[in-house]
N, C-alpha and C. Protein backbone atom coordinates (compact mmCIF):
# COMPACT_ATOMS: atom_id res chain seq x y z
N MET A 1 -34.94 -56.85 41.88
CA MET A 1 -36.35 -57.01 42.10
C MET A 1 -36.58 -57.48 43.53
N SER A 2 -37.47 -56.81 44.24
CA SER A 2 -37.75 -57.22 45.60
C SER A 2 -38.96 -58.15 45.61
N LYS A 3 -39.02 -58.94 46.66
CA LYS A 3 -40.11 -59.90 46.79
C LYS A 3 -41.41 -59.15 47.10
N PRO A 4 -42.48 -59.42 46.35
CA PRO A 4 -43.73 -58.71 46.60
C PRO A 4 -44.36 -59.14 47.93
N GLY A 5 -44.93 -58.17 48.61
CA GLY A 5 -45.62 -58.45 49.85
C GLY A 5 -47.06 -58.85 49.59
N MET A 6 -47.78 -59.12 50.66
CA MET A 6 -49.17 -59.54 50.52
C MET A 6 -50.01 -58.44 49.87
N GLY A 7 -49.73 -57.18 50.21
CA GLY A 7 -50.48 -56.07 49.62
C GLY A 7 -50.31 -55.99 48.12
N GLN A 8 -49.07 -56.15 47.64
CA GLN A 8 -48.83 -56.11 46.20
C GLN A 8 -49.50 -57.29 45.49
N LEU A 9 -49.51 -58.45 46.15
CA LEU A 9 -50.17 -59.60 45.54
C LEU A 9 -51.68 -59.40 45.45
N ILE A 10 -52.26 -58.79 46.48
CA ILE A 10 -53.70 -58.48 46.45
C ILE A 10 -53.98 -57.47 45.35
N ALA A 11 -53.14 -56.45 45.24
CA ALA A 11 -53.31 -55.45 44.18
C ALA A 11 -53.15 -56.09 42.80
N GLY A 12 -52.20 -56.99 42.65
CA GLY A 12 -52.01 -57.68 41.37
C GLY A 12 -53.21 -58.55 41.00
N ALA A 13 -53.76 -59.25 41.99
CA ALA A 13 -54.96 -60.05 41.74
C ALA A 13 -56.13 -59.14 41.38
N GLY A 14 -56.21 -57.99 42.05
CA GLY A 14 -57.25 -57.02 41.69
C GLY A 14 -57.06 -56.49 40.29
N GLY A 15 -55.81 -56.30 39.87
CA GLY A 15 -55.52 -55.84 38.52
C GLY A 15 -55.95 -56.86 37.48
N MET A 16 -55.69 -58.14 37.77
CA MET A 16 -56.13 -59.19 36.84
C MET A 16 -57.65 -59.24 36.77
N LEU A 17 -58.31 -59.15 37.92
CA LEU A 17 -59.77 -59.17 37.95
C LEU A 17 -60.36 -57.96 37.23
N LEU A 18 -59.73 -56.81 37.36
CA LEU A 18 -60.22 -55.61 36.68
C LEU A 18 -60.14 -55.78 35.16
N ILE A 19 -59.05 -56.34 34.67
CA ILE A 19 -58.91 -56.56 33.23
C ILE A 19 -59.92 -57.60 32.74
N VAL A 20 -60.07 -58.69 33.49
CA VAL A 20 -61.02 -59.73 33.10
C VAL A 20 -62.45 -59.18 33.11
N SER A 21 -62.76 -58.32 34.08
CA SER A 21 -64.12 -57.79 34.19
C SER A 21 -64.51 -56.94 32.98
N LEU A 22 -63.52 -56.38 32.29
CA LEU A 22 -63.83 -55.58 31.10
C LEU A 22 -64.43 -56.44 29.98
N PHE A 23 -64.18 -57.74 30.01
CA PHE A 23 -64.70 -58.64 28.99
C PHE A 23 -66.04 -59.25 29.39
N LEU A 24 -66.44 -59.07 30.64
CA LEU A 24 -67.71 -59.60 31.13
C LEU A 24 -68.84 -58.62 30.85
N PRO A 25 -70.09 -59.07 30.94
CA PRO A 25 -71.22 -58.15 30.75
C PRO A 25 -71.28 -57.11 31.86
N TRP A 26 -71.37 -55.83 31.48
CA TRP A 26 -71.44 -54.74 32.44
C TRP A 26 -72.84 -54.19 32.58
N ALA A 27 -73.56 -54.14 31.48
CA ALA A 27 -74.89 -53.53 31.53
C ALA A 27 -75.77 -54.12 30.45
N ASP A 28 -77.06 -54.10 30.73
CA ASP A 28 -78.07 -54.46 29.74
C ASP A 28 -78.75 -53.16 29.32
N VAL A 29 -78.54 -52.77 28.08
CA VAL A 29 -79.15 -51.56 27.54
C VAL A 29 -80.12 -51.98 26.45
N GLN A 30 -81.39 -51.72 26.66
CA GLN A 30 -82.45 -52.10 25.72
C GLN A 30 -82.36 -53.59 25.38
N ASP A 31 -82.24 -54.41 26.41
CA ASP A 31 -82.18 -55.86 26.31
C ASP A 31 -80.97 -56.37 25.52
N VAL A 32 -79.93 -55.55 25.41
CA VAL A 32 -78.69 -55.97 24.77
C VAL A 32 -77.58 -55.90 25.83
N SER A 33 -76.92 -57.02 26.06
CA SER A 33 -75.84 -57.07 27.04
C SER A 33 -74.57 -56.48 26.44
N GLN A 34 -73.92 -55.59 27.19
CA GLN A 34 -72.69 -54.95 26.72
C GLN A 34 -71.55 -55.22 27.69
N SER A 35 -70.38 -55.54 27.15
CA SER A 35 -69.20 -55.74 27.98
C SER A 35 -68.67 -54.37 28.41
N GLY A 36 -67.64 -54.39 29.24
CA GLY A 36 -67.02 -53.14 29.66
C GLY A 36 -66.43 -52.37 28.50
N TRP A 37 -65.90 -53.08 27.50
CA TRP A 37 -65.32 -52.43 26.33
C TRP A 37 -66.41 -51.73 25.51
N GLU A 38 -67.58 -52.33 25.43
CA GLU A 38 -68.67 -51.75 24.65
C GLU A 38 -69.41 -50.66 25.41
N PHE A 39 -69.55 -50.84 26.71
CA PHE A 39 -70.36 -49.94 27.52
C PHE A 39 -69.62 -48.63 27.83
N LEU A 40 -68.33 -48.72 28.08
CA LEU A 40 -67.54 -47.55 28.46
C LEU A 40 -66.89 -46.94 27.22
N THR A 41 -66.63 -45.64 27.28
CA THR A 41 -66.02 -44.99 26.12
C THR A 41 -64.52 -44.81 26.30
N ILE A 42 -64.11 -44.08 27.32
CA ILE A 42 -62.69 -43.79 27.55
C ILE A 42 -62.18 -44.48 28.81
N SER A 43 -63.03 -44.62 29.80
CA SER A 43 -62.57 -45.16 31.08
C SER A 43 -62.15 -46.62 30.99
N ASP A 44 -62.58 -47.35 29.97
CA ASP A 44 -62.14 -48.73 29.83
C ASP A 44 -60.62 -48.80 29.61
N VAL A 45 -60.07 -47.86 28.87
CA VAL A 45 -58.62 -47.81 28.66
C VAL A 45 -57.91 -47.47 29.98
N PHE A 46 -58.50 -46.56 30.75
CA PHE A 46 -57.94 -46.21 32.06
C PHE A 46 -57.93 -47.44 32.97
N PHE A 47 -59.03 -48.21 32.98
CA PHE A 47 -59.09 -49.40 33.83
C PHE A 47 -58.08 -50.46 33.37
N LEU A 48 -57.85 -50.57 32.07
CA LEU A 48 -56.84 -51.48 31.56
C LEU A 48 -55.46 -51.06 32.06
N ILE A 49 -55.14 -49.77 31.98
CA ILE A 49 -53.84 -49.27 32.45
C ILE A 49 -53.70 -49.49 33.95
N ALA A 50 -54.76 -49.23 34.72
CA ALA A 50 -54.71 -49.45 36.17
C ALA A 50 -54.46 -50.92 36.49
N GLY A 51 -55.11 -51.81 35.75
CA GLY A 51 -54.89 -53.24 35.97
C GLY A 51 -53.47 -53.67 35.63
N LEU A 52 -52.94 -53.16 34.52
CA LEU A 52 -51.58 -53.52 34.11
C LEU A 52 -50.53 -53.00 35.09
N ILE A 53 -50.72 -51.78 35.58
CA ILE A 53 -49.78 -51.22 36.56
C ILE A 53 -49.84 -52.02 37.87
N ALA A 54 -51.04 -52.43 38.27
CA ALA A 54 -51.17 -53.25 39.49
C ALA A 54 -50.47 -54.59 39.33
N ILE A 55 -50.59 -55.19 38.17
CA ILE A 55 -49.90 -56.46 37.92
C ILE A 55 -48.39 -56.25 37.92
N ALA A 56 -47.93 -55.16 37.32
CA ALA A 56 -46.49 -54.85 37.30
C ALA A 56 -45.97 -54.62 38.71
N ALA A 57 -46.76 -53.97 39.55
CA ALA A 57 -46.33 -53.75 40.94
C ALA A 57 -46.24 -55.07 41.69
N ALA A 58 -47.14 -55.99 41.40
CA ALA A 58 -47.09 -57.30 42.06
C ALA A 58 -45.89 -58.11 41.59
N ILE A 59 -45.55 -58.02 40.33
CA ILE A 59 -44.42 -58.79 39.80
C ILE A 59 -43.09 -58.23 40.30
N THR A 60 -42.96 -56.91 40.33
CA THR A 60 -41.67 -56.30 40.70
C THR A 60 -41.54 -56.01 42.19
N GLY A 61 -42.60 -56.14 42.94
CA GLY A 61 -42.55 -55.77 44.35
C GLY A 61 -42.89 -54.32 44.57
N GLY A 62 -43.12 -53.58 43.50
CA GLY A 62 -43.58 -52.20 43.59
C GLY A 62 -42.56 -51.15 43.95
N ARG A 63 -41.30 -51.51 44.02
CA ARG A 63 -40.30 -50.57 44.48
C ARG A 63 -39.65 -49.77 43.35
N HIS A 64 -39.86 -50.14 42.11
CA HIS A 64 -39.20 -49.49 40.99
C HIS A 64 -39.88 -48.17 40.64
N ALA A 65 -39.12 -47.26 40.07
CA ALA A 65 -39.65 -45.95 39.70
C ALA A 65 -40.59 -46.08 38.52
N PHE A 66 -41.58 -45.18 38.48
CA PHE A 66 -42.55 -45.17 37.41
C PHE A 66 -42.61 -43.77 36.83
N MET A 67 -41.96 -43.57 35.71
CA MET A 67 -41.90 -42.31 34.97
C MET A 67 -41.13 -41.20 35.70
N ARG A 68 -41.09 -41.22 36.99
CA ARG A 68 -40.32 -40.25 37.78
C ARG A 68 -39.57 -41.02 38.85
N PRO A 69 -38.38 -40.57 39.23
CA PRO A 69 -37.62 -41.33 40.22
C PRO A 69 -38.25 -41.35 41.61
N ASP A 70 -39.11 -40.39 41.92
CA ASP A 70 -39.70 -40.35 43.26
C ASP A 70 -41.10 -40.97 43.30
N LEU A 71 -41.56 -41.59 42.22
CA LEU A 71 -42.88 -42.22 42.18
C LEU A 71 -42.70 -43.71 41.93
N SER A 72 -42.97 -44.52 42.94
CA SER A 72 -42.81 -45.97 42.80
C SER A 72 -44.05 -46.58 42.14
N LEU A 73 -43.91 -47.81 41.73
CA LEU A 73 -45.06 -48.52 41.16
C LEU A 73 -46.17 -48.69 42.20
N ASN A 74 -45.78 -48.84 43.47
CA ASN A 74 -46.79 -48.93 44.54
C ASN A 74 -47.61 -47.66 44.62
N ALA A 75 -46.94 -46.53 44.56
CA ALA A 75 -47.66 -45.25 44.64
C ALA A 75 -48.56 -45.05 43.44
N ALA A 76 -48.05 -45.39 42.25
CA ALA A 76 -48.87 -45.26 41.04
C ALA A 76 -50.06 -46.21 41.10
N THR A 77 -49.85 -47.43 41.60
CA THR A 77 -50.93 -48.40 41.72
C THR A 77 -51.98 -47.91 42.70
N ASP A 78 -51.54 -47.37 43.82
CA ASP A 78 -52.48 -46.86 44.81
C ASP A 78 -53.29 -45.70 44.24
N LEU A 79 -52.64 -44.78 43.58
CA LEU A 79 -53.33 -43.64 42.98
C LEU A 79 -54.35 -44.10 41.93
N LEU A 80 -53.94 -45.00 41.04
CA LEU A 80 -54.85 -45.50 40.02
C LEU A 80 -55.99 -46.31 40.63
N GLY A 81 -55.72 -47.02 41.72
CA GLY A 81 -56.78 -47.76 42.41
C GLY A 81 -57.82 -46.86 43.04
N VAL A 82 -57.36 -45.77 43.65
CA VAL A 82 -58.30 -44.80 44.25
C VAL A 82 -59.17 -44.16 43.17
N VAL A 83 -58.55 -43.72 42.08
CA VAL A 83 -59.30 -43.08 41.00
C VAL A 83 -60.26 -44.08 40.35
N SER A 84 -59.83 -45.32 40.15
CA SER A 84 -60.71 -46.35 39.58
C SER A 84 -61.91 -46.62 40.48
N THR A 85 -61.67 -46.70 41.78
CA THR A 85 -62.77 -46.93 42.71
C THR A 85 -63.77 -45.79 42.67
N LEU A 86 -63.27 -44.56 42.66
CA LEU A 86 -64.18 -43.41 42.60
C LEU A 86 -64.95 -43.36 41.28
N LEU A 87 -64.27 -43.63 40.17
CA LEU A 87 -64.95 -43.64 38.87
C LEU A 87 -66.05 -44.70 38.81
N LEU A 88 -65.73 -45.89 39.28
CA LEU A 88 -66.71 -46.98 39.23
C LEU A 88 -67.88 -46.73 40.17
N ALA A 89 -67.59 -46.22 41.36
CA ALA A 89 -68.68 -45.91 42.29
C ALA A 89 -69.59 -44.83 41.71
N TRP A 90 -69.00 -43.82 41.10
CA TRP A 90 -69.80 -42.75 40.47
C TRP A 90 -70.65 -43.31 39.33
N LEU A 91 -70.05 -44.17 38.52
CA LEU A 91 -70.78 -44.76 37.41
C LEU A 91 -71.96 -45.59 37.91
N LEU A 92 -71.72 -46.42 38.90
CA LEU A 92 -72.78 -47.30 39.39
C LEU A 92 -73.87 -46.56 40.15
N LEU A 93 -73.50 -45.50 40.85
CA LEU A 93 -74.48 -44.79 41.67
C LEU A 93 -75.22 -43.68 40.92
N PHE A 94 -74.53 -42.94 40.07
CA PHE A 94 -75.12 -41.73 39.51
C PHE A 94 -75.15 -41.64 37.99
N ASP A 95 -74.27 -42.33 37.30
CA ASP A 95 -74.08 -42.05 35.89
C ASP A 95 -74.52 -43.18 34.96
N LEU A 96 -75.32 -44.09 35.45
CA LEU A 96 -75.81 -45.17 34.60
C LEU A 96 -76.86 -44.61 33.65
N PRO A 97 -76.77 -44.91 32.37
CA PRO A 97 -77.75 -44.37 31.42
C PRO A 97 -79.18 -44.82 31.76
N ALA A 98 -80.14 -44.02 31.37
CA ALA A 98 -81.54 -44.34 31.63
C ALA A 98 -81.91 -45.62 30.90
N GLY A 99 -82.59 -46.49 31.59
CA GLY A 99 -83.01 -47.75 30.99
C GLY A 99 -81.97 -48.85 31.04
N ALA A 100 -80.78 -48.56 31.56
CA ALA A 100 -79.72 -49.58 31.64
C ALA A 100 -79.73 -50.21 33.03
N SER A 101 -79.44 -51.49 33.07
CA SER A 101 -79.30 -52.18 34.35
C SER A 101 -77.90 -52.79 34.42
N THR A 102 -77.32 -52.74 35.60
CA THR A 102 -75.94 -53.21 35.77
C THR A 102 -75.90 -54.73 35.78
N ASP A 103 -74.74 -55.24 35.39
CA ASP A 103 -74.52 -56.68 35.36
C ASP A 103 -73.28 -57.00 36.20
N THR A 104 -72.90 -58.25 36.24
CA THR A 104 -71.85 -58.70 37.14
C THR A 104 -70.48 -58.08 36.87
N GLY A 105 -70.16 -57.79 35.64
CA GLY A 105 -68.84 -57.25 35.32
C GLY A 105 -68.56 -55.93 35.99
N ALA A 106 -69.57 -55.07 36.09
CA ALA A 106 -69.38 -53.76 36.73
C ALA A 106 -69.10 -53.92 38.22
N PHE A 107 -69.81 -54.84 38.86
CA PHE A 107 -69.59 -55.04 40.30
C PHE A 107 -68.25 -55.72 40.57
N LEU A 108 -67.86 -56.64 39.70
CA LEU A 108 -66.53 -57.26 39.85
C LEU A 108 -65.42 -56.23 39.64
N ALA A 109 -65.65 -55.30 38.72
CA ALA A 109 -64.66 -54.24 38.49
C ALA A 109 -64.53 -53.36 39.73
N LEU A 110 -65.64 -53.05 40.39
CA LEU A 110 -65.58 -52.26 41.61
C LEU A 110 -64.84 -53.00 42.72
N ILE A 111 -65.10 -54.29 42.86
CA ILE A 111 -64.38 -55.09 43.85
C ILE A 111 -62.89 -55.13 43.52
N ALA A 112 -62.56 -55.26 42.24
CA ALA A 112 -61.16 -55.28 41.82
C ALA A 112 -60.47 -53.95 42.11
N ALA A 113 -61.16 -52.83 41.84
CA ALA A 113 -60.57 -51.52 42.10
C ALA A 113 -60.34 -51.31 43.60
N ILE A 114 -61.26 -51.78 44.42
CA ILE A 114 -61.08 -51.68 45.87
C ILE A 114 -59.90 -52.54 46.31
N ALA A 115 -59.74 -53.72 45.71
CA ALA A 115 -58.60 -54.58 46.04
C ALA A 115 -57.28 -53.92 45.64
N ILE A 116 -57.26 -53.28 44.47
CA ILE A 116 -56.05 -52.57 44.03
C ILE A 116 -55.73 -51.45 45.01
N MET A 117 -56.74 -50.66 45.35
CA MET A 117 -56.54 -49.53 46.25
C MET A 117 -56.09 -50.00 47.63
N GLY A 118 -56.74 -51.00 48.17
CA GLY A 118 -56.38 -51.49 49.50
C GLY A 118 -55.06 -52.22 49.54
N GLY A 119 -54.76 -52.97 48.49
CA GLY A 119 -53.52 -53.73 48.47
C GLY A 119 -52.29 -52.88 48.28
N ALA A 120 -52.42 -51.82 47.50
CA ALA A 120 -51.26 -50.98 47.20
C ALA A 120 -51.04 -49.88 48.22
N GLY A 121 -52.00 -49.66 49.09
CA GLY A 121 -51.87 -48.59 50.10
C GLY A 121 -50.74 -48.86 51.07
N ASP A 122 -50.06 -47.81 51.48
CA ASP A 122 -48.96 -47.92 52.43
C ASP A 122 -49.50 -47.57 53.81
N TYR A 123 -49.77 -48.60 54.61
CA TYR A 123 -50.34 -48.39 55.93
C TYR A 123 -49.28 -48.45 57.03
N SER A 124 -48.01 -48.56 56.65
CA SER A 124 -46.95 -48.60 57.66
C SER A 124 -46.85 -47.28 58.41
N VAL A 125 -47.23 -46.21 57.75
CA VAL A 125 -47.21 -44.90 58.41
C VAL A 125 -48.19 -44.89 59.58
N LEU A 126 -49.33 -45.53 59.40
CA LEU A 126 -50.32 -45.58 60.48
C LEU A 126 -49.85 -46.45 61.64
N ARG A 127 -49.12 -47.51 61.34
CA ARG A 127 -48.64 -48.39 62.41
C ARG A 127 -47.53 -47.73 63.22
N ARG A 128 -46.74 -46.86 62.60
CA ARG A 128 -45.62 -46.22 63.29
C ARG A 128 -46.02 -44.95 64.02
N SER A 129 -47.18 -44.42 63.73
CA SER A 129 -47.55 -43.13 64.31
C SER A 129 -47.82 -43.26 65.80
N SER A 130 -47.53 -42.21 66.49
CA SER A 130 -47.85 -42.15 67.92
C SER A 130 -48.42 -40.77 68.20
N ARG A 131 -49.04 -40.66 69.33
CA ARG A 131 -49.64 -39.37 69.68
C ARG A 131 -48.58 -38.33 70.05
N ALA A 132 -47.42 -38.79 70.43
CA ALA A 132 -46.34 -37.87 70.80
C ALA A 132 -45.64 -37.37 69.55
N ASP A 133 -45.28 -36.12 69.55
CA ASP A 133 -44.56 -35.52 68.43
C ASP A 133 -43.09 -35.92 68.53
N PRO A 134 -42.54 -36.65 67.56
CA PRO A 134 -41.16 -37.13 67.67
C PRO A 134 -40.13 -36.02 67.57
N THR A 135 -40.51 -34.84 67.13
CA THR A 135 -39.55 -33.74 67.02
C THR A 135 -39.33 -33.05 68.36
N ILE A 136 -40.21 -33.28 69.33
CA ILE A 136 -40.06 -32.65 70.65
C ILE A 136 -39.28 -33.61 71.55
N PRO A 137 -38.19 -33.15 72.16
CA PRO A 137 -37.42 -34.01 73.06
C PRO A 137 -38.27 -34.45 74.26
N ASP A 138 -37.89 -35.59 74.86
CA ASP A 138 -38.65 -36.14 75.99
C ASP A 138 -38.75 -35.15 77.15
N ASP A 139 -37.67 -34.40 77.43
CA ASP A 139 -37.68 -33.45 78.55
C ASP A 139 -38.74 -32.37 78.33
N ALA A 140 -38.78 -31.84 77.13
CA ALA A 140 -39.75 -30.79 76.82
C ALA A 140 -41.17 -31.33 76.83
N ARG A 141 -41.35 -32.58 76.45
CA ARG A 141 -42.68 -33.20 76.43
C ARG A 141 -43.21 -33.35 77.86
N GLN A 142 -42.34 -33.70 78.81
CA GLN A 142 -42.75 -33.86 80.20
C GLN A 142 -43.04 -32.51 80.85
N ALA A 143 -42.37 -31.46 80.38
CA ALA A 143 -42.58 -30.13 80.96
C ALA A 143 -43.93 -29.55 80.57
N ARG A 144 -44.50 -30.02 79.50
CA ARG A 144 -45.79 -29.51 79.05
C ARG A 144 -46.81 -29.91 80.00
């Protein structure tokens, strides 16, 4: 097991917040407050899985394989975080039932999904990139 980095810890905290938010009030429908479990039909299970995978990535450091040898827990967490963020943004912006008003749990879930997505993302590729193509030798680069 490798030591988790700051990104994995942020993603793990986001996973915990996402799971907790499912128990909080998400919407008021006809003056009845509904939790995430009551308000959502299928996506609540998806958010639970995303939260659990994020917590597992934080505990293990995210380097272990997940169902396939070439897919790490970090990659799975990042993918689930992106999909969760898109689902929640769509729900809050376009898919809220008529007459329903959002409550704190839905907004906390969106913040948690963004934390999962941002924490699990691999930004080392961006730090190592340069404008020069590394496959072209220095001599050929100067000749251009």
